[in-house]
Amino acid sequence: MTIQLVDAACQVEQAEAVLSMWLEFTSDKEEASKIGAILTLLYGVYQAIDRANQEISDLKHPQLKERRA
């Protein structure tokens, strides 16, 4: 199964939200450390996906890129 970049970006945001909530409510320091590690791995992924999606769009529709410049 393949998903669109925009869907992948949404899933990353959702994962970050769930993990952040889990981190807030956990009292176990080891668990909190593991959750924090996963959040660190996800840091910047949404922005990278968004940037890649924009670059693909620019390649498909160069005239739109020129309008934004």
PDB file of N, CA and C in Angstrom:
ATOM      1  N   MET A   1       0.843  -1.183   0.000  1.00  0.00           N
ATOM      2  CA  MET A   1       0.000   0.000   0.000  1.00  0.00           C
ATOM      3  C   MET A   1       0.888   1.246   0.000  1.00  0.00           C
ATOM      4  N   THR A   2       0.563   2.170  -0.845  1.00  0.00           N
ATOM      5  CA  THR A   2       1.281   3.456  -0.872  1.00  0.00           C
ATOM      6  C   THR A   2       0.335   4.549  -0.398  1.00  0.00           C
ATOM      7  N   ILE A   3       0.918   5.537   0.254  1.00  0.00           N
ATOM      8  CA  ILE A   3       0.107   6.672   0.684  1.00  0.00           C
ATOM      9  C   ILE A   3       0.695   7.942   0.083  1.00  0.00           C
ATOM     10  N   GLN A   4      -0.135   8.932  -0.043  1.00  0.00           N
ATOM     11  CA  GLN A   4       0.294  10.221  -0.563  1.00  0.00           C
ATOM     12  C   GLN A   4       1.153  10.926   0.493  1.00  0.00           C
ATOM     13  N   LEU A   5       2.019  11.824   0.017  1.00  0.00           N
ATOM     14  CA  LEU A   5       2.878  12.566   0.946  1.00  0.00           C
ATOM     15  C   LEU A   5       2.061  13.350   1.968  1.00  0.00           C
ATOM     16  N   VAL A   6       0.979  13.949   1.524  1.00  0.00           N
ATOM     17  CA  VAL A   6       0.164  14.750   2.441  1.00  0.00           C
ATOM     18  C   VAL A   6      -0.420  13.862   3.543  1.00  0.00           C
ATOM     19  N   ASP A   7      -0.797  12.622   3.194  1.00  0.00           N
ATOM     20  CA  ASP A   7      -1.312  11.690   4.197  1.00  0.00           C
ATOM     21  C   ASP A   7      -0.209  11.269   5.165  1.00  0.00           C
ATOM     22  N   ALA A   8       0.989  11.063   4.636  1.00  0.00           N
ATOM     23  CA  ALA A   8       2.132  10.710   5.486  1.00  0.00           C
ATOM     24  C   ALA A   8       2.421  11.838   6.470  1.00  0.00           C
ATOM     25  N   ALA A   9       2.358  13.069   5.995  1.00  0.00           N
ATOM     26  CA  ALA A   9       2.593  14.225   6.865  1.00  0.00           C
ATOM     27  C   ALA A   9       1.551  14.270   7.979  1.00  0.00           C
ATOM     28  N   CYS A  10       0.298  14.011   7.632  1.00  0.00           N
ATOM     29  CA  CYS A  10      -0.769  14.010   8.640  1.00  0.00           C
ATOM     30  C   CYS A  10      -0.547  12.906   9.670  1.00  0.00           C
ATOM     31  N   GLN A  11      -0.109  11.741   9.214  1.00  0.00           N
ATOM     32  CA  GLN A  11       0.135  10.639  10.138  1.00  0.00           C
ATOM     33  C   GLN A  11       1.290  10.955  11.087  1.00  0.00           C
ATOM     34  N   VAL A  12       2.303  11.632  10.588  1.00  0.00           N
ATOM     35  CA  VAL A  12       3.417  12.035  11.449  1.00  0.00           C
ATOM     36  C   VAL A  12       2.915  13.014  12.506  1.00  0.00           C
ATOM     37  N   GLU A  13       2.107  13.984  12.090  1.00  0.00           N
ATOM     38  CA  GLU A  13       1.552  14.949  13.055  1.00  0.00           C
ATOM     39  C   GLU A  13       0.699  14.244  14.104  1.00  0.00           C
ATOM     40  N   GLN A  14      -0.108  13.286  13.663  1.00  0.00           N
ATOM     41  CA  GLN A  14      -0.951  12.546  14.597  1.00  0.00           C
ATOM     42  C   GLN A  14      -0.102  11.739  15.577  1.00  0.00           C
ATOM     43  N   ALA A  15       0.938  11.096  15.066  1.00  0.00           N
ATOM     44  CA  ALA A  15       1.832  10.318  15.935  1.00  0.00           C
ATOM     45  C   ALA A  15       2.490  11.222  16.967  1.00  0.00           C
ATOM     46  N   GLU A  16       2.937  12.400  16.537  1.00  0.00           N
ATOM     47  CA  GLU A  16       3.551  13.346  17.472  1.00  0.00           C
ATOM     48  C   GLU A  16       2.556  13.772  18.545  1.00  0.00           C
ATOM     49  N   ALA A  17       1.308  14.001  18.152  1.00  0.00           N
ATOM     50  CA  ALA A  17       0.289  14.420  19.115  1.00  0.00           C
ATOM     51  C   ALA A  17       0.010  13.318  20.134  1.00  0.00           C
ATOM     52  N   VAL A  18      -0.140  12.086  19.654  1.00  0.00           N
ATOM     53  CA  VAL A  18      -0.412  10.963  20.554  1.00  0.00           C
ATOM     54  C   VAL A  18       0.764  10.735  21.501  1.00  0.00           C
ATOM     55  N   LEU A  19       1.971  10.756  20.957  1.00  0.00           N
ATOM     56  CA  LEU A  19       3.156  10.545  21.792  1.00  0.00           C
ATOM     57  C   LEU A  19       3.328  11.666  22.814  1.00  0.00           C
ATOM     58  N   SER A  20       3.044  12.895  22.406  1.00  0.00           N
ATOM     59  CA  SER A  20       3.150  14.025  23.338  1.00  0.00           C
ATOM     60  C   SER A  20       2.158  13.880  24.484  1.00  0.00           C
ATOM     61  N   MET A  21       0.935  13.455  24.151  1.00  0.00           N
ATOM     62  CA  MET A  21      -0.079  13.263  25.184  1.00  0.00           C
ATOM     63  C   MET A  21       0.334  12.118  26.114  1.00  0.00           C
ATOM     64  N   TRP A  22       0.826  11.047  25.534  1.00  0.00           N
ATOM     65  CA  TRP A  22       1.286   9.899  26.313  1.00  0.00           C
ATOM     66  C   TRP A  22       2.421  10.324  27.245  1.00  0.00           C
ATOM     67  N   LEU A  23       3.349  11.115  26.723  1.00  0.00           N
ATOM     68  CA  LEU A  23       4.476  11.601  27.518  1.00  0.00           C
ATOM     69  C   LEU A  23       3.997  12.452  28.694  1.00  0.00           C
ATOM     70  N   GLU A  24       2.983  13.257  28.437  1.00  0.00           N
ATOM     71  CA  GLU A  24       2.455  14.142  29.479  1.00  0.00           C
ATOM     72  C   GLU A  24       1.828  13.359  30.629  1.00  0.00           C
ATOM     73  N   PHE A  25       1.209  12.232  30.310  1.00  0.00           N
ATOM     74  CA  PHE A  25       0.465  11.494  31.328  1.00  0.00           C
ATOM     75  C   PHE A  25       1.235  10.345  31.969  1.00  0.00           C
ATOM     76  N   THR A  26       2.409  10.015  31.445  1.00  0.00           N
ATOM     77  CA  THR A  26       3.160   8.906  32.036  1.00  0.00           C
ATOM     78  C   THR A  26       3.940   9.374  33.256  1.00  0.00           C
ATOM     79  N   SER A  27       4.023   8.489  34.234  1.00  0.00           N
ATOM     80  CA  SER A  27       4.815   8.803  35.425  1.00  0.00           C
ATOM     81  C   SER A  27       6.070   7.930  35.483  1.00  0.00           C
ATOM     82  N   ASP A  28       6.182   7.001  34.562  1.00  0.00           N
ATOM     83  CA  ASP A  28       7.334   6.096  34.495  1.00  0.00           C
ATOM     84  C   ASP A  28       8.468   6.783  33.739  1.00  0.00           C
ATOM     85  N   LYS A  29       9.583   7.006  34.416  1.00  0.00           N
ATOM     86  CA  LYS A  29      10.706   7.740  33.805  1.00  0.00           C
ATOM     87  C   LYS A  29      11.301   7.000  32.610  1.00  0.00           C
ATOM     88  N   GLU A  30      11.382   5.683  32.689  1.00  0.00           N
ATOM     89  CA  GLU A  30      11.936   4.904  31.574  1.00  0.00           C
ATOM     90  C   GLU A  30      11.020   4.998  30.352  1.00  0.00           C
ATOM     91  N   GLU A  31       9.730   4.886  30.592  1.00  0.00           N
ATOM     92  CA  GLU A  31       8.758   5.015  29.506  1.00  0.00           C
ATOM     93  C   GLU A  31       8.824   6.416  28.898  1.00  0.00           C
ATOM     94  N   ALA A  32       8.926   7.421  29.737  1.00  0.00           N
ATOM     95  CA  ALA A  32       9.019   8.805  29.263  1.00  0.00           C
ATOM     96  C   ALA A  32      10.260   9.001  28.405  1.00  0.00           C
ATOM     97  N   SER A  33      11.340   8.374  28.797  1.00  0.00           N
ATOM     98  CA  SER A  33      12.584   8.477  28.031  1.00  0.00           C
ATOM     99  C   SER A  33      12.430   7.856  26.645  1.00  0.00           C
ATOM    100  N   LYS A  34      11.762   6.724  26.577  1.00  0.00           N
ATOM    101  CA  LYS A  34      11.534   6.048  25.294  1.00  0.00           C
ATOM    102  C   LYS A  34      10.610   6.870  24.397  1.00  0.00           C
ATOM    103  N   ILE A  35       9.569   7.418  24.977  1.00  0.00           N
ATOM    104  CA  ILE A  35       8.643   8.255  24.206  1.00  0.00           C
ATOM    105  C   ILE A  35       9.376   9.486  23.687  1.00  0.00           C
ATOM    106  N   GLY A  36      10.176  10.089  24.539  1.00  0.00           N
ATOM    107  CA  GLY A  36      10.962  11.252  24.125  1.00  0.00           C
ATOM    108  C   GLY A  36      11.908  10.922  22.984  1.00  0.00           C
ATOM    109  N   ALA A  37      12.495   9.728  23.027  1.00  0.00           N
ATOM    110  CA  ALA A  37      13.401   9.307  21.952  1.00  0.00           C
ATOM    111  C   ALA A  37      12.656   9.186  20.628  1.00  0.00           C
ATOM    112  N   ILE A  38      11.459   8.630  20.675  1.00  0.00           N
ATOM    113  CA  ILE A  38      10.665   8.498  19.446  1.00  0.00           C
ATOM    114  C   ILE A  38      10.275   9.876  18.926  1.00  0.00           C
ATOM    115  N   LEU A  39       9.874  10.771  19.818  1.00  0.00           N
ATOM    116  CA  LEU A  39       9.531  12.133  19.400  1.00  0.00           C
ATOM    117  C   LEU A  39      10.723  12.824  18.752  1.00  0.00           C
ATOM    118  N   THR A  40      11.905  12.582  19.287  1.00  0.00           N
ATOM    119  CA  THR A  40      13.120  13.160  18.711  1.00  0.00           C
ATOM    120  C   THR A  40      13.348  12.644  17.293  1.00  0.00           C
ATOM    121  N   LEU A  41      13.097  11.361  17.076  1.00  0.00           N
ATOM    122  CA  LEU A  41      13.245  10.784  15.738  1.00  0.00           C
ATOM    123  C   LEU A  41      12.264  11.409  14.745  1.00  0.00           C
ATOM    124  N   LEU A  42      11.077  11.750  15.231  1.00  0.00           N
ATOM    125  CA  LEU A  42      10.058  12.323  14.347  1.00  0.00           C
ATOM    126  C   LEU A  42      10.266  13.817  14.089  1.00  0.00           C
ATOM    127  N   TYR A  43      11.107  14.454  14.905  1.00  0.00           N
ATOM    128  CA  TYR A  43      11.312  15.897  14.781  1.00  0.00           C
ATOM    129  C   TYR A  43      11.800  16.259  13.371  1.00  0.00           C
ATOM    130  N   GLY A  44      11.079  17.140  12.706  1.00  0.00           N
ATOM    131  CA  GLY A  44      11.466  17.618  11.384  1.00  0.00           C
ATOM    132  C   GLY A  44      10.938  16.784  10.229  1.00  0.00           C
ATOM    133  N   VAL A  45      10.373  15.605  10.522  1.00  0.00           N
ATOM    134  CA  VAL A  45       9.883  14.739   9.442  1.00  0.00           C
ATOM    135  C   VAL A  45       8.712  15.405   8.719  1.00  0.00           C
ATOM    136  N   TYR A  46       7.779  15.983   9.471  1.00  0.00           N
ATOM    137  CA  TYR A  46       6.635  16.649   8.843  1.00  0.00           C
ATOM    138  C   TYR A  46       7.106  17.742   7.886  1.00  0.00           C
ATOM    139  N   GLN A  47       8.046  18.560   8.331  1.00  0.00           N
ATOM    140  CA  GLN A  47       8.544  19.657   7.497  1.00  0.00           C
ATOM    141  C   GLN A  47       9.250  19.123   6.251  1.00  0.00           C
ATOM    142  N   ALA A  48       9.994  18.032   6.391  1.00  0.00           N
ATOM    143  CA  ALA A  48      10.687  17.439   5.243  1.00  0.00           C
ATOM    144  C   ALA A  48       9.690  16.901   4.223  1.00  0.00           C
ATOM    145  N   ILE A  49       8.636  16.265   4.701  1.00  0.00           N
ATOM    146  CA  ILE A  49       7.604  15.753   3.805  1.00  0.00           C
ATOM    147  C   ILE A  49       6.914  16.909   3.102  1.00  0.00           C
ATOM    148  N   ASP A  50       6.586  17.942   3.854  1.00  0.00           N
ATOM    149  CA  ASP A  50       5.921  19.115   3.280  1.00  0.00           C
ATOM    150  C   ASP A  50       6.796  19.765   2.206  1.00  0.00           C
ATOM    151  N   ARG A  51       8.079  19.886   2.481  1.00  0.00           N
ATOM    152  CA  ARG A  51       9.022  20.472   1.526  1.00  0.00           C
ATOM    153  C   ARG A  51       9.127  19.607   0.262  1.00  0.00           C
ATOM    154  N   ALA A  52       9.198  18.291   0.442  1.00  0.00           N
ATOM    155  CA  ALA A  52       9.270  17.371  -0.698  1.00  0.00           C
ATOM    156  C   ALA A  52       8.008  17.466  -1.542  1.00  0.00           C
ATOM    157  N   ASN A  53       6.869  17.556  -0.890  1.00  0.00           N
ATOM    158  CA  ASN A  53       5.605  17.686  -1.610  1.00  0.00           C
ATOM    159  C   ASN A  53       5.582  18.977  -2.424  1.00  0.00           C
ATOM    160  N   GLN A  54       6.097  20.058  -1.844  1.00  0.00           N
ATOM    161  CA  GLN A  54       6.151  21.343  -2.552  1.00  0.00           C
ATOM    162  C   GLN A  54       7.083  21.257  -3.756  1.00  0.00           C
ATOM    163  N   GLU A  55       8.225  20.597  -3.595  1.00  0.00           N
ATOM    164  CA  GLU A  55       9.174  20.459  -4.701  1.00  0.00           C
ATOM    165  C   GLU A  55       8.586  19.630  -5.838  1.00  0.00           C
ATOM    166  N   ILE A  56       7.862  18.577  -5.497  1.00  0.00           N
ATOM    167  CA  ILE A  56       7.202  17.767  -6.523  1.00  0.00           C
ATOM    168  C   ILE A  56       6.169  18.605  -7.255  1.00  0.00           C
ATOM    169  N   SER A  57       5.407  19.375  -6.498  1.00  0.00           N
ATOM    170  CA  SER A  57       4.409  20.260  -7.104  1.00  0.00           C
ATOM    171  C   SER A  57       5.069  21.269  -8.033  1.00  0.00           C
ATOM    172  N   ASP A  58       6.215  21.819  -7.613  1.00  0.00           N
ATOM    173  CA  ASP A  58       6.937  22.782  -8.449  1.00  0.00           C
ATOM    174  C   ASP A  58       7.415  22.142  -9.747  1.00  0.00           C
ATOM    175  N   LEU A  59       7.834  20.891  -9.684  1.00  0.00           N
ATOM    176  CA  LEU A  59       8.284  20.196 -10.892  1.00  0.00           C
ATOM    177  C   LEU A  59       7.122  19.911 -11.837  1.00  0.00           C
ATOM    178  N   LYS A  60       5.969  19.581 -11.267  1.00  0.00           N
ATOM    179  CA  LYS A  60       4.790  19.284 -12.085  1.00  0.00           C
ATOM    180  C   LYS A  60       4.181  20.548 -12.676  1.00  0.00           C
ATOM    181  N   HIS A  61       4.249  21.645 -11.935  1.00  0.00           N
ATOM    182  CA  HIS A  61       3.596  22.897 -12.343  1.00  0.00           C
ATOM    183  C   HIS A  61       4.553  24.071 -12.162  1.00  0.00           C
ATOM    184  N   PRO A  62       5.564  24.188 -13.022  1.00  0.00           N
ATOM    185  CA  PRO A  62       6.568  25.252 -12.850  1.00  0.00           C
ATOM    186  C   PRO A  62       5.973  26.662 -12.925  1.00  0.00           C
ATOM    187  N   GLN A  63       4.871  26.826 -13.630  1.00  0.00           N
ATOM    188  CA  GLN A  63       4.265  28.151 -13.739  1.00  0.00           C
ATOM    189  C   GLN A  63       3.738  28.637 -12.391  1.00  0.00           C
ATOM    190  N   LEU A  64       3.304  27.723 -11.534  1.00  0.00           N
ATOM    191  CA  LEU A  64       2.831  28.116 -10.202  1.00  0.00           C
ATOM    192  C   LEU A  64       3.996  28.546  -9.317  1.00  0.00           C
ATOM    193  N   LYS A  65       5.133  27.887  -9.490  1.00  0.00           N
ATOM    194  CA  LYS A  65       6.323  28.252  -8.723  1.00  0.00           C
ATOM    195  C   LYS A  65       6.745  29.674  -9.063  1.00  0.00           C
ATOM    196  N   GLU A  66       6.681  30.021 -10.344  1.00  0.00           N
ATOM    197  CA  GLU A  66       7.071  31.364 -10.784  1.00  0.00           C
ATOM    198  C   GLU A  66       6.156  32.422 -10.179  1.00  0.00           C
ATOM    199  N   ARG A  67       4.884  32.104 -10.019  1.00  0.00           N
ATOM    200  CA  ARG A  67       3.932  33.064  -9.429  1.00  0.00           C
ATOM    201  C   ARG A  67       4.244  33.323  -7.957  1.00  0.00           C
ATOM    202  N   ARG A  68       4.700  32.289  -7.255  1.00  0.00           N
ATOM    203  CA  ARG A  68       5.008  32.434  -5.828  1.00  0.00           C
ATOM    204  C   ARG A  68       6.290  33.215  -5.604  1.00  0.00           C
ATOM    205  N   ALA A  69       7.183  33.193  -6.572  1.00  0.00           N
ATOM    206  CA  ALA A  69       8.498  33.838  -6.401  1.00  0.00           C
ATOM    207  C   ALA A  69       8.421  35.339  -6.391  1.00  0.00           C
TER     208      ALA A  69
END
